[in-house]
Each structure stands twice: as C-alpha cells, then as structure tokens.
Amino acid sequence: MGKWLSILVGLILAALGLAGIIGWWSEGVWSFIRSGVVLAAFFVGIGAIVFGIGELRAPAETPPVTPPEPPADC
C-alpha cells in the first residue's frame, strides 16, 4: 500500500508543479531555474571541496598484511 501511496502523491505533486510552471511562466520562472542551477553548482562545489579535504586528512589505505603460513610438515 505504501508504494502506491507514494506514487499517487508523486503524481499529484508533479501535476501541481507543472501547473505552477505553466501559470507562472511569465513571472520569472527562467530566473528561478537559473538561480537554482547556480545554487546547485555552488553546493556541489562546496561538497567536492569538503570531500577532497576529507580524503587528504584520511590516512593512506594500505593493503592488509597476511601472516605467513606455518610449514606444512608440522
């Protein structure tokens, strides 16, 4: 039941969003979309910087050391 409910809610929200875009097109939807792209680029860039700093601060990964096997004639 939960999957169908989420699909139904998604369809309703998508229809409302499409109606809003069509209704407000002349009121600056393009400027809203452009500002969204700029904000997305900014936050992705900040995320990449944080990820890179985390990778620099993390210790280097070394392969696991396997202990030598005992002699077979024990």
N, C-alpha and C. Protein backbone atom coordinates (compact mmCIF):
# COMPACT_ATOMS: atom_id res chain seq x y z
N MET A 1 0.82 -1.20 0.00
CA MET A 1 0.00 0.00 0.00
C MET A 1 0.87 1.26 0.00
N GLY A 2 2.00 1.24 0.71
CA GLY A 2 2.85 2.41 0.82
C GLY A 2 3.47 2.81 -0.51
N LYS A 3 3.81 1.83 -1.35
CA LYS A 3 4.41 2.15 -2.65
C LYS A 3 3.41 2.87 -3.54
N TRP A 4 2.16 2.38 -3.54
CA TRP A 4 1.14 3.01 -4.36
C TRP A 4 0.80 4.40 -3.86
N LEU A 5 0.83 4.57 -2.56
CA LEU A 5 0.56 5.88 -1.99
C LEU A 5 1.65 6.87 -2.39
N SER A 6 2.90 6.44 -2.36
CA SER A 6 3.98 7.34 -2.75
C SER A 6 3.91 7.68 -4.23
N ILE A 7 3.50 6.72 -5.06
CA ILE A 7 3.35 7.01 -6.49
C ILE A 7 2.21 8.01 -6.71
N LEU A 8 1.11 7.82 -6.00
CA LEU A 8 -0.03 8.73 -6.13
C LEU A 8 0.33 10.15 -5.68
N VAL A 9 1.00 10.26 -4.55
CA VAL A 9 1.43 11.57 -4.06
C VAL A 9 2.41 12.20 -5.04
N GLY A 10 3.31 11.40 -5.59
CA GLY A 10 4.26 11.93 -6.57
C GLY A 10 3.58 12.44 -7.82
N LEU A 11 2.57 11.72 -8.30
CA LEU A 11 1.83 12.18 -9.48
C LEU A 11 1.07 13.47 -9.20
N ILE A 12 0.48 13.57 -8.03
CA ILE A 12 -0.25 14.79 -7.67
C ILE A 12 0.71 15.98 -7.58
N LEU A 13 1.85 15.78 -6.91
CA LEU A 13 2.81 16.88 -6.78
C LEU A 13 3.40 17.28 -8.12
N ALA A 14 3.67 16.30 -8.99
CA ALA A 14 4.20 16.61 -10.32
C ALA A 14 3.18 17.41 -11.13
N ALA A 15 1.90 17.04 -11.03
CA ALA A 15 0.86 17.78 -11.75
C ALA A 15 0.74 19.21 -11.22
N LEU A 16 0.79 19.36 -9.91
CA LEU A 16 0.73 20.71 -9.34
C LEU A 16 1.95 21.53 -9.74
N GLY A 17 3.11 20.92 -9.76
CA GLY A 17 4.32 21.63 -10.17
C GLY A 17 4.25 22.06 -11.63
N LEU A 18 3.75 21.17 -12.49
CA LEU A 18 3.61 21.51 -13.90
C LEU A 18 2.61 22.65 -14.08
N ALA A 19 1.50 22.59 -13.35
CA ALA A 19 0.52 23.67 -13.43
C ALA A 19 1.13 24.98 -12.94
N GLY A 20 1.94 24.93 -11.92
CA GLY A 20 2.58 26.14 -11.42
C GLY A 20 3.56 26.72 -12.41
N ILE A 21 4.32 25.85 -13.06
CA ILE A 21 5.27 26.35 -14.07
C ILE A 21 4.53 27.00 -15.23
N ILE A 22 3.46 26.36 -15.69
CA ILE A 22 2.69 26.93 -16.80
C ILE A 22 2.03 28.25 -16.38
N GLY A 23 1.50 28.30 -15.17
CA GLY A 23 0.81 29.50 -14.72
C GLY A 23 1.73 30.67 -14.43
N TRP A 24 2.92 30.40 -13.95
CA TRP A 24 3.83 31.47 -13.56
C TRP A 24 4.97 31.67 -14.55
N TRP A 25 4.83 31.16 -15.75
CA TRP A 25 5.93 31.21 -16.71
C TRP A 25 6.38 32.64 -16.98
N SER A 26 5.44 33.54 -17.12
CA SER A 26 5.79 34.92 -17.47
C SER A 26 6.32 35.70 -16.26
N GLU A 27 6.21 35.15 -15.07
CA GLU A 27 6.63 35.87 -13.87
C GLU A 27 8.04 35.53 -13.42
N GLY A 28 8.82 34.99 -14.28
CA GLY A 28 10.22 34.80 -13.92
C GLY A 28 10.63 33.38 -13.59
N VAL A 29 9.99 32.41 -14.23
CA VAL A 29 10.39 31.02 -13.98
C VAL A 29 11.82 30.80 -14.44
N TRP A 30 12.19 31.45 -15.55
CA TRP A 30 13.56 31.27 -16.04
C TRP A 30 14.59 31.78 -15.05
N SER A 31 14.32 32.89 -14.41
CA SER A 31 15.27 33.40 -13.42
C SER A 31 15.35 32.47 -12.22
N PHE A 32 14.23 31.86 -11.86
CA PHE A 32 14.23 30.89 -10.77
C PHE A 32 15.05 29.65 -11.14
N ILE A 33 14.89 29.17 -12.36
CA ILE A 33 15.64 27.99 -12.81
C ILE A 33 17.14 28.31 -12.87
N ARG A 34 17.48 29.49 -13.40
CA ARG A 34 18.89 29.87 -13.47
C ARG A 34 19.50 29.99 -12.09
N SER A 35 18.78 30.59 -11.14
CA SER A 35 19.32 30.70 -9.79
C SER A 35 19.45 29.33 -9.15
N GLY A 36 18.55 28.41 -9.45
CA GLY A 36 18.65 27.05 -8.93
C GLY A 36 19.88 26.34 -9.46
N VAL A 37 20.20 26.55 -10.74
CA VAL A 37 21.40 25.94 -11.32
C VAL A 37 22.64 26.51 -10.67
N VAL A 38 22.66 27.81 -10.45
CA VAL A 38 23.82 28.45 -9.82
C VAL A 38 24.00 27.94 -8.39
N LEU A 39 22.90 27.85 -7.63
CA LEU A 39 22.99 27.35 -6.26
C LEU A 39 23.42 25.89 -6.23
N ALA A 40 22.91 25.09 -7.16
CA ALA A 40 23.31 23.68 -7.22
C ALA A 40 24.81 23.56 -7.51
N ALA A 41 25.32 24.37 -8.45
CA ALA A 41 26.75 24.34 -8.75
C ALA A 41 27.57 24.74 -7.54
N PHE A 42 27.10 25.75 -6.81
CA PHE A 42 27.82 26.20 -5.62
C PHE A 42 27.89 25.09 -4.57
N PHE A 43 26.74 24.46 -4.29
CA PHE A 43 26.72 23.43 -3.24
C PHE A 43 27.47 22.17 -3.67
N VAL A 44 27.43 21.83 -4.94
CA VAL A 44 28.21 20.68 -5.41
C VAL A 44 29.70 20.99 -5.28
N GLY A 45 30.08 22.22 -5.59
CA GLY A 45 31.48 22.62 -5.44
C GLY A 45 31.93 22.57 -3.99
N ILE A 46 31.11 23.07 -3.08
CA ILE A 46 31.44 23.01 -1.65
C ILE A 46 31.55 21.56 -1.20
N GLY A 47 30.64 20.71 -1.67
CA GLY A 47 30.70 19.29 -1.33
C GLY A 47 31.96 18.64 -1.83
N ALA A 48 32.40 18.98 -3.03
CA ALA A 48 33.63 18.43 -3.58
C ALA A 48 34.84 18.88 -2.77
N ILE A 49 34.84 20.13 -2.33
CA ILE A 49 35.94 20.63 -1.51
C ILE A 49 35.98 19.89 -0.18
N VAL A 50 34.83 19.73 0.46
CA VAL A 50 34.78 19.02 1.74
C VAL A 50 35.23 17.57 1.56
N PHE A 51 34.79 16.93 0.49
CA PHE A 51 35.19 15.55 0.22
C PHE A 51 36.70 15.47 -0.01
N GLY A 52 37.25 16.40 -0.77
CA GLY A 52 38.68 16.40 -1.03
C GLY A 52 39.51 16.61 0.22
N ILE A 53 39.08 17.52 1.08
CA ILE A 53 39.79 17.75 2.34
C ILE A 53 39.71 16.51 3.21
N GLY A 54 38.55 15.85 3.23
CA GLY A 54 38.41 14.61 3.99
C GLY A 54 39.33 13.52 3.47
N GLU A 55 39.49 13.45 2.16
CA GLU A 55 40.39 12.46 1.58
C GLU A 55 41.85 12.78 1.92
N LEU A 56 42.21 14.05 1.96
CA LEU A 56 43.57 14.43 2.31
C LEU A 56 43.89 14.11 3.76
N ARG A 57 42.91 14.29 4.63
CA ARG A 57 43.14 14.08 6.06
C ARG A 57 43.07 12.61 6.45
N ALA A 58 42.44 11.78 5.61
CA ALA A 58 42.31 10.36 5.93
C ALA A 58 43.67 9.68 5.76
N PRO A 59 43.98 8.71 6.61
CA PRO A 59 45.25 8.00 6.44
C PRO A 59 45.23 7.20 5.14
N ALA A 60 46.42 7.01 4.60
CA ALA A 60 46.54 6.26 3.36
C ALA A 60 46.11 4.81 3.59
N GLU A 61 45.39 4.28 2.62
CA GLU A 61 44.95 2.90 2.74
C GLU A 61 46.10 1.98 2.37
N THR A 62 46.37 1.03 3.26
CA THR A 62 47.42 0.05 2.99
C THR A 62 46.76 -1.31 2.84
N PRO A 63 47.32 -2.15 1.99
CA PRO A 63 46.72 -3.48 1.84
C PRO A 63 46.88 -4.28 3.13
N PRO A 64 45.95 -5.16 3.44
CA PRO A 64 46.06 -5.94 4.66
C PRO A 64 47.26 -6.88 4.61
N VAL A 65 47.90 -7.02 5.76
CA VAL A 65 49.07 -7.90 5.85
C VAL A 65 48.59 -9.28 6.25
N THR A 66 48.92 -10.26 5.43
CA THR A 66 48.54 -11.64 5.77
C THR A 66 49.72 -12.29 6.48
N PRO A 67 49.45 -12.97 7.58
CA PRO A 67 50.56 -13.63 8.29
C PRO A 67 51.09 -14.80 7.46
N PRO A 68 52.38 -15.09 7.62
CA PRO A 68 52.94 -16.22 6.85
C PRO A 68 52.32 -17.54 7.32
N GLU A 69 52.17 -18.45 6.39
CA GLU A 69 51.58 -19.75 6.72
C GLU A 69 52.64 -20.61 7.41
N PRO A 70 52.20 -21.42 8.39
CA PRO A 70 53.16 -22.31 9.06
C PRO A 70 53.62 -23.39 8.09
N PRO A 71 54.76 -23.97 8.36
CA PRO A 71 55.26 -25.04 7.48
C PRO A 71 54.27 -26.19 7.44
N ALA A 72 54.19 -26.85 6.31
CA ALA A 72 53.21 -27.93 6.10
C ALA A 72 53.57 -29.22 6.85
N ASP A 73 54.84 -29.42 7.29
CA ASP A 73 55.24 -30.68 7.91
C ASP A 73 55.18 -30.63 9.43
N CYS A 74 54.38 -29.81 10.04
CA CYS A 74 54.25 -29.76 11.50
C CYS A 74 53.37 -30.85 12.00
